[in-house]
């Protein structure tokens, strides 16, 4: 992925609401969630949710598909993984990380706050 696309993807999730929506889509898995369920889970008005979903779709962090009268949104894992790869590809100066350093190992959510 080019750095411009990476910046666009990071910009899309740099907003608290979009980050919350994206995390819900990641948690839902490839099946995704209907827009109505996302509105229910986030407490957002449909017009606000549509705005945030549009930004995620334009940045290719999410995709949508029509199923009958419902629009189902899902995370675009290929974009998410490309962003993660871009951010960590030169981890540890390009040298393989040793198990002792674990410099590129993700910490559980909230672990960094407890330090």
Protein backbone atom coordinates (compact mmCIF):
# COMPACT_ATOMS: atom_id res chain seq x y z
CA UNK A 1 0.00 0.00 0.00
CA UNK A 2 1.24 3.48 -0.77
CA UNK A 3 1.87 5.90 2.06
CA UNK A 4 -0.99 8.18 0.89
CA UNK A 5 -3.48 5.30 1.21
CA UNK A 6 -2.03 4.42 4.63
CA UNK A 7 -2.43 8.03 5.78
CA UNK A 8 -6.03 8.06 4.51
CA UNK A 9 -6.81 4.84 6.39
CA UNK A 10 -5.22 6.11 9.59
CA UNK A 11 -7.03 9.43 9.20
CA UNK A 12 -10.35 7.63 8.92
CA UNK A 13 -9.91 5.84 12.24
CA UNK A 14 -8.34 8.89 13.94
CA UNK A 15 -11.81 10.00 14.96
CA UNK A 16 -13.25 8.54 18.18
CA UNK A 17 -16.62 7.61 16.65
CA UNK A 18 -15.14 6.05 13.52
CA UNK A 19 -12.66 4.11 15.63
CA UNK A 20 -15.54 2.74 17.70
CA UNK A 21 -17.50 1.79 14.56
CA UNK A 22 -14.43 0.18 12.99
CA UNK A 23 -13.72 -1.86 16.13
CA UNK A 24 -17.32 -3.09 16.15
CA UNK A 25 -16.95 -4.15 12.52
CA UNK A 26 -13.69 -5.98 13.27
CA UNK A 27 -15.35 -7.74 16.21
CA UNK A 28 -18.31 -8.74 14.03
CA UNK A 29 -16.04 -10.62 11.64
CA UNK A 30 -16.44 -11.03 7.88
CA UNK A 31 -20.25 -11.27 8.14
CA UNK A 32 -20.35 -7.63 9.22
CA UNK A 33 -23.25 -5.75 10.76
CA UNK A 34 -26.31 -4.03 9.36
CA UNK A 35 -26.32 -0.25 9.63
CA UNK A 36 -29.29 -0.38 12.00
CA UNK A 37 -27.42 -2.62 14.44
CA UNK A 38 -24.39 -0.31 14.29
CA UNK A 39 -26.66 2.64 15.09
CA UNK A 40 -28.10 0.71 18.02
CA UNK A 41 -24.68 -0.30 19.37
CA UNK A 42 -23.18 3.17 19.06
CA UNK A 43 -26.23 5.24 19.93
CA UNK A 44 -25.67 7.36 16.84
CA UNK A 45 -28.42 8.92 14.76
CA UNK A 46 -28.62 7.28 11.31
CA UNK A 47 -27.44 10.46 9.54
CA UNK A 48 -24.35 10.73 11.79
CA UNK A 49 -23.59 7.04 11.40
CA UNK A 50 -23.91 7.32 7.60
CA UNK A 51 -21.36 10.14 7.59
CA UNK A 52 -18.84 8.11 9.59
CA UNK A 53 -19.42 4.92 7.58
CA UNK A 54 -18.91 6.88 4.35
CA UNK A 55 -15.51 8.05 5.63
CA UNK A 56 -14.49 4.48 6.54
CA UNK A 57 -15.62 3.18 3.13
CA UNK A 58 -13.79 5.97 1.25
CA UNK A 59 -10.60 5.10 3.14
CA UNK A 60 -11.20 1.41 2.29
CA UNK A 61 -11.26 0.49 5.98
CA UNK A 62 -14.84 -0.80 5.55
CA UNK A 63 -16.98 -2.15 2.77
CA UNK A 64 -20.71 -2.43 2.27
CA UNK A 65 -23.10 -4.75 0.50
CA UNK A 66 -26.83 -4.73 -0.03
CA UNK A 67 -28.76 -7.68 1.38
CA UNK A 68 -32.41 -7.21 0.60
CA UNK A 69 -33.41 -3.93 2.19
CA UNK A 70 -30.43 -3.90 4.56
CA UNK A 71 -26.96 -2.49 4.01
CA UNK A 72 -24.33 -4.67 5.69
CA UNK A 73 -21.00 -3.10 6.59
CA UNK A 74 -17.85 -5.07 7.29
CA UNK A 75 -14.22 -4.33 8.08
CA UNK A 76 -11.80 -4.57 5.17
CA UNK A 77 -9.21 -6.78 6.81
CA UNK A 78 -6.84 -6.53 3.84
CA UNK A 79 -6.58 -2.76 4.40
CA UNK A 80 -6.27 -3.15 8.17
CA UNK A 81 -3.50 -5.71 7.73
CA UNK A 82 -1.71 -3.55 5.15
CA UNK A 83 -1.73 -0.63 7.61
CA UNK A 84 -0.39 -2.85 10.40
CA UNK A 85 2.29 -4.25 8.11
CA UNK A 86 3.31 -0.75 7.02
CA UNK A 87 3.58 0.41 10.63
CA UNK A 88 5.65 -2.58 11.75
CA UNK A 89 7.68 -3.55 8.68
CA UNK A 90 10.84 -1.89 9.98
CA UNK A 91 10.31 -2.83 13.60
CA UNK A 92 13.56 -3.42 15.49
CA UNK A 93 15.62 -1.81 12.73
CA UNK A 94 14.55 -4.43 10.21
CA UNK A 95 15.98 -7.24 12.34
CA UNK A 96 13.80 -10.10 13.51
CA UNK A 97 12.44 -9.45 16.97
CA UNK A 98 13.68 -11.75 19.66
CA UNK A 99 11.09 -13.36 21.92
CA UNK A 100 12.74 -11.61 24.85
CA UNK A 101 12.25 -8.11 23.44
CA UNK A 102 8.77 -8.65 21.98
CA UNK A 103 8.99 -5.13 20.58
CA UNK A 104 6.34 -5.75 17.93
CA UNK A 105 4.00 -7.88 19.98
CA UNK A 106 0.66 -6.15 20.59
CA UNK A 107 -0.33 -5.61 24.21
CA UNK A 108 -3.84 -6.44 25.38
CA UNK A 109 -6.18 -3.45 25.21
CA UNK A 110 -5.82 -1.37 28.33
CA UNK A 111 -2.43 -2.86 29.29
CA UNK A 112 -0.53 0.27 28.32
CA UNK A 113 -2.80 2.42 30.48
CA UNK A 114 -1.99 0.39 33.60
CA UNK A 115 1.70 1.20 33.50
